[in-house]
C-alpha atoms as a PDB file:
ATOM      1  CA  ILE A   1       4.788  -4.222 -13.280  1.00  0.00           C
ATOM      2  CA  HIS A   2       3.265  -0.906 -12.209  1.00  0.00           C
ATOM      3  CA  ASN A   3       4.110   0.750 -15.544  1.00  0.00           C
ATOM      4  CA  LEU A   4       2.557  -2.083 -17.549  1.00  0.00           C
ATOM      5  CA  ALA A   5      -0.547  -2.155 -15.333  1.00  0.00           C
ATOM      6  CA  HIS A   6      -0.958   1.614 -15.683  1.00  0.00           C
ATOM      7  CA  ARG A   7      -0.597   1.473 -19.460  1.00  0.00           C
ATOM      8  CA  LEU A   8      -3.135  -1.390 -19.743  1.00  0.00           C
ATOM      9  CA  LYS A   9      -5.448   0.063 -17.047  1.00  0.00           C
ATOM     10  CA  ILE A  10      -5.099  -2.969 -14.756  1.00  0.00           C
ATOM     11  CA  PRO A  11      -5.793  -2.258 -11.058  1.00  0.00           C
ATOM     12  CA  ILE A  12      -3.102  -3.245  -8.536  1.00  0.00           C
ATOM     13  CA  ILE A  13      -3.321  -3.548  -4.761  1.00  0.00           C
ATOM     14  CA  GLU A  14      -0.308  -3.567  -2.462  1.00  0.00           C
ATOM     15  CA  ILE A  15      -0.391  -6.045   0.425  1.00  0.00           C
ATOM     16  CA  ALA A  16       2.134  -7.038   3.087  1.00  0.00           C
ATOM     17  CA  ALA A  17       2.122  -9.098   6.261  1.00  0.00           C
ATOM     18  CA  ASP A  18       4.616 -10.376   8.772  1.00  0.00           C
ATOM     19  CA  PRO A  19       3.967 -11.955  12.195  1.00  0.00           C
ATOM     20  CA  LEU A  20       3.667  -8.511  13.812  1.00  0.00           C
ATOM     21  CA  SER A  21       1.800  -6.319  11.319  1.00  0.00           C
ATOM     22  CA  VAL A  22      -0.517  -6.199   8.314  1.00  0.00           C
ATOM     23  CA  SER A  23      -0.606  -3.619   5.546  1.00  0.00           C
ATOM     24  CA  ILE A  24      -3.051  -3.305   2.648  1.00  0.00           C
ATOM     25  CA  GLY A  25      -3.209  -0.599   0.050  1.00  0.00           C
ATOM     26  CA  PRO A  26      -3.048   1.565  -1.695  1.00  0.00           C
ATOM     27  CA  LEU A  27      -5.260   0.281  -4.456  1.00  0.00           C
ATOM     28  CA  TYR A  28      -4.051   1.773  -7.720  1.00  0.00           C
ATOM     29  CA  VAL A  29      -7.067   1.858 -10.033  1.00  0.00           C
ATOM     30  CA  ASN A  30      -4.887   2.786 -13.041  1.00  0.00           C
ATOM     31  CA  ASP A  31      -7.785   4.504 -14.788  1.00  0.00           C
ATOM     32  CA  HIS A  32      -5.630   7.539 -15.692  1.00  0.00           C
ATOM     33  CA  LEU A  33      -7.864   9.658 -13.421  1.00  0.00           C
ATOM     34  CA  SER A  34      -6.755   8.566  -9.948  1.00  0.00           C
ATOM     35  CA  LEU A  35      -3.419   8.021  -8.240  1.00  0.00           C
ATOM     36  CA  CYS A  36      -0.906   5.672  -9.803  1.00  0.00           C
ATOM     37  CA  PHE A  37       2.263   4.193  -8.321  1.00  0.00           C
ATOM     38  CA  ASN A  38       4.659   6.471 -10.228  1.00  0.00           C
ATOM     39  CA  CYS A  39       2.755   9.486  -8.931  1.00  0.00           C
ATOM     40  CA  VAL A  40       3.266   8.602  -5.255  1.00  0.00           C
ATOM     41  CA  LYS A  41       6.481   6.516  -5.345  1.00  0.00           C
ATOM     42  CA  SER A  42       8.714   9.266  -3.938  1.00  0.00           C
ATOM     43  CA  GLN A  43       6.192  10.093  -1.189  1.00  0.00           C
ATOM     44  CA  ILE A  44       6.018   6.426  -0.159  1.00  0.00           C
ATOM     45  CA  LYS A  45       9.814   6.132   0.011  1.00  0.00           C
ATOM     46  CA  GLN A  46      10.094   9.379   1.961  1.00  0.00           C
ATOM     47  CA  GLU A  47       7.512   8.303   4.536  1.00  0.00           C
ATOM     48  CA  TYR A  48       8.809   4.742   4.887  1.00  0.00           C
ATOM     49  CA  TYR A  49      12.574   5.177   5.092  1.00  0.00           C
ATOM     50  CA  SER A  50      14.119   6.749   8.179  1.00  0.00           C
ATOM     51  CA  SER A  51      16.533   9.654   7.852  1.00  0.00           C
ATOM     52  CA  ASP A  52      18.923   7.699  10.114  1.00  0.00           C
ATOM     53  CA  SER A  53      21.180   5.666   7.772  1.00  0.00           C
ATOM     54  CA  CYS A  54      21.508   2.756  10.249  1.00  0.00           C
ATOM     55  CA  ILE A  55      17.731   2.361  10.570  1.00  0.00           C
ATOM     56  CA  GLN A  56      17.324   2.827   6.822  1.00  0.00           C
ATOM     57  CA  SER A  57      19.724  -0.057   6.100  1.00  0.00           C
ATOM     58  CA  LEU A  58      17.700  -2.300   8.437  1.00  0.00           C
ATOM     59  CA  GLN A  59      14.485  -1.277   6.666  1.00  0.00           C
ATOM     60  CA  GLN A  60      16.017  -2.086   3.288  1.00  0.00           C
ATOM     61  CA  ALA A  61      17.287  -5.439   4.577  1.00  0.00           C
ATOM     62  CA  ARG A  62      13.768  -6.233   5.798  1.00  0.00           C
ATOM     63  CA  LEU A  63      12.400  -5.584   2.316  1.00  0.00           C
ATOM     64  CA  LYS A  64      14.968  -7.846   0.666  1.00  0.00           C
ATOM     65  CA  ASP A  65      14.780 -10.830   2.996  1.00  0.00           C
ATOM     66  CA  GLY A  66      14.270  -9.931   6.624  1.00  0.00           C
ATOM     67  CA  ARG A  67      14.637 -13.465   7.919  1.00  0.00           C
ATOM     68  CA  GLN A  68      18.075 -13.914   6.418  1.00  0.00           C
ATOM     69  CA  ASN A  69      19.459 -10.383   6.805  1.00  0.00           C
ATOM     70  CA  LEU A  70      18.305  -9.764  10.357  1.00  0.00           C
ATOM     71  CA  GLY A  71      19.044 -13.252  11.641  1.00  0.00           C
ATOM     72  CA  LYS A  72      15.393 -14.109  12.330  1.00  0.00           C
ATOM     73  CA  GLN A  73      14.020 -17.580  11.917  1.00  0.00           C
ATOM     74  CA  LEU A  74      10.280 -17.843  11.482  1.00  0.00           C
ATOM     75  CA  ASN A  75       8.047 -20.850  11.132  1.00  0.00           C
ATOM     76  CA  SER A  76       5.143 -20.800   8.689  1.00  0.00           C
ATOM     77  CA  TYR A  77       2.507 -20.990  11.417  1.00  0.00           C
ATOM     78  CA  GLN A  78       3.785 -17.695  12.889  1.00  0.00           C
ATOM     79  CA  ASN A  79       2.606 -15.891   9.743  1.00  0.00           C
ATOM     80  CA  ALA A  80      -0.831 -17.538   9.597  1.00  0.00           C
ATOM     81  CA  PRO A  81      -2.756 -15.015  11.770  1.00  0.00           C
ATOM     82  CA  SER A  82      -1.395 -11.974   9.957  1.00  0.00           C
ATOM     83  CA  LEU A  83      -1.882 -13.547   6.512  1.00  0.00           C
ATOM     84  CA  SER A  84      -5.508 -14.402   7.279  1.00  0.00           C
ATOM     85  CA  ILE A  85      -6.204 -10.846   8.491  1.00  0.00           C
ATOM     86  CA  MET A  86      -4.455  -9.356   5.465  1.00  0.00           C
ATOM     87  CA  SER A  87      -6.301 -11.533   2.965  1.00  0.00           C
ATOM     88  CA  GLY A  88      -9.680 -10.873   4.583  1.00  0.00           C
ATOM     89  CA  LEU A  89      -9.187  -7.104   4.511  1.00  0.00           C
ATOM     90  CA  ALA A  90      -7.864  -7.170   0.948  1.00  0.00           C
ATOM     91  CA  VAL A  91     -10.744  -9.309  -0.358  1.00  0.00           C
ATOM     92  CA  ASP A  92     -13.273  -7.028   1.374  1.00  0.00           C
ATOM     93  CA  GLN A  93     -11.835  -3.982  -0.384  1.00  0.00           C
ATOM     94  CA  LEU A  94     -11.529  -5.739  -3.759  1.00  0.00           C
ATOM     95  CA  ILE A  95     -15.164  -6.886  -3.666  1.00  0.00           C
ATOM     96  CA  LYS A  96     -16.239  -3.300  -2.973  1.00  0.00           C
ATOM     97  CA  PHE A  97     -14.112  -2.108  -5.901  1.00  0.00           C
ATOM     98  CA  VAL A  98     -15.258  -4.756  -8.391  1.00  0.00           C
ATOM     99  CA  THR A  99     -18.965  -4.520  -7.561  1.00  0.00           C
ATOM    100  CA  SER A 100     -18.988  -0.702  -7.115  1.00  0.00           C
ATOM    101  CA  CYS A 101     -21.671  -1.163  -4.442  1.00  0.00           C
ATOM    102  CA  GLU A 102     -19.525   0.590  -1.842  1.00  0.00           C
ATOM    103  CA  LYS A 103     -16.475   2.806  -2.090  1.00  0.00           C
ATOM    104  CA  PRO A 104     -13.206   1.026  -1.168  1.00  0.00           C
ATOM    105  CA  LEU A 105     -11.312   2.803   1.598  1.00  0.00           C
ATOM    106  CA  ILE A 106      -7.835   2.024   0.266  1.00  0.00           C
ATOM    107  CA  ILE A 107      -7.815   3.941  -3.017  1.00  0.00           C
ATOM    108  CA  GLY A 108      -4.887   6.280  -2.463  1.00  0.00           C
ATOM    109  CA  LYS A 109      -4.536   5.100   1.125  1.00  0.00           C
ATOM    110  CA  ARG A 110      -2.576   2.478   3.026  1.00  0.00           C
ATOM    111  CA  PHE A 111      -4.143   0.724   6.006  1.00  0.00           C
ATOM    112  CA  GLN A 112      -1.752  -0.722   8.604  1.00  0.00           C
ATOM    113  CA  PHE A 113      -2.693  -2.858  11.585  1.00  0.00           C
ATOM    114  CA  SER A 114      -0.286  -3.862  14.380  1.00  0.00           C
ATOM    115  CA  LEU A 115      -0.844  -7.300  15.859  1.00  0.00           C
ATOM    116  CA  GLN A 116       1.197  -6.307  18.931  1.00  0.00           C
ATOM    117  CA  THR A 117      -0.651  -3.151  19.965  1.00  0.00           C
ATOM    118  CA  TYR A 118      -3.819  -3.381  17.797  1.00  0.00           C
ATOM    119  CA  GLU A 119      -2.983   0.120  16.616  1.00  0.00           C
ATOM    120  CA  ILE A 120      -4.524   1.141  13.292  1.00  0.00           C
ATOM    121  CA  LYS A 121      -2.755   3.630  11.075  1.00  0.00           C
ATOM    122  CA  THR A 122      -3.926   5.059   7.756  1.00  0.00           C
ATOM    123  CA  GLU A 123      -1.611   6.834   5.344  1.00  0.00           C
ATOM    124  CA  ASN A 124      -3.109   9.138   2.712  1.00  0.00           C
ATOM    125  CA  PHE A 125      -1.272   9.754  -0.538  1.00  0.00           C
ATOM    126  CA  LYS A 126      -1.703  12.621  -2.935  1.00  0.00           C
ATOM    127  CA  CYS A 127      -0.101  13.731  -6.138  1.00  0.00           C
ATOM    128  CA  ASN A 128       0.380  17.142  -7.674  1.00  0.00           C
ATOM    129  CA  ALA A 129      -0.364  17.013 -11.385  1.00  0.00           C
ATOM    130  CA  SER A 130      -0.407  19.592 -14.125  1.00  0.00           C
ATOM    131  CA  TYR A 131      -2.361  19.994 -17.314  1.00  0.00           C
ATOM    132  CA  GLY A 132      -1.262  22.870 -19.495  1.00  0.00           C
ATOM    133  CA  GLN A 133      -0.892  25.891 -17.210  1.00  0.00           C
ATOM    134  CA  HIS A 134      -3.090  24.436 -14.479  1.00  0.00           C
ATOM    135  CA  THR A 135      -1.720  22.575 -11.466  1.00  0.00           C
ATOM    136  CA  PHE A 136      -3.979  20.542  -9.225  1.00  0.00           C
ATOM    137  CA  SER A 137      -3.791  17.880  -6.536  1.00  0.00           C
ATOM    138  CA  ILE A 138      -5.106  14.384  -6.983  1.00  0.00           C
ATOM    139  CA  VAL A 139      -6.078  12.748  -3.717  1.00  0.00           C
ATOM    140  CA  GLY A 140      -6.746   9.024  -3.621  1.00  0.00           C
ATOM    141  CA  GLU A 141     -10.487   9.307  -3.975  1.00  0.00           C
ATOM    142  CA  ILE A 142     -13.013   8.103  -6.534  1.00  0.00           C
ATOM    143  CA  ASP A 143     -16.621   9.215  -6.612  1.00  0.00           C
ATOM    144  CA  TYR A 144     -18.937   6.308  -7.417  1.00  0.00           C
ATOM    145  CA  ALA A 145     -21.983   8.513  -7.936  1.00  0.00           C
END
């Protein structure tokens, strides 16, 4: 999906929510000027997965189907608060992106919010690119000037 979206210049936003946390971003603009998924995929995996193989297997199980693999049973209403927070934050950022009236904060960044501790965490992604003999870093920023 990311490869097709990049080729056709279709923006993609990553979103996730469970009863305990919310995550939105990064927003991949796919304009061939800013960060794309393939550019930061290895950085995302490296930051997400633990170096401990036991913890890493639990993280991978959570991505596949956490309720089944970890023996959890969740009711739909338990996800409602986190889904409403996630959708509100995502729509706010998408409106800013579509209207260009304000710069979205999640281009090249992931915003995470814990519903247990109310802790907010922001991850910044960057990519080293090269053009000819020149190497430069692309940070998830767009200037709407």
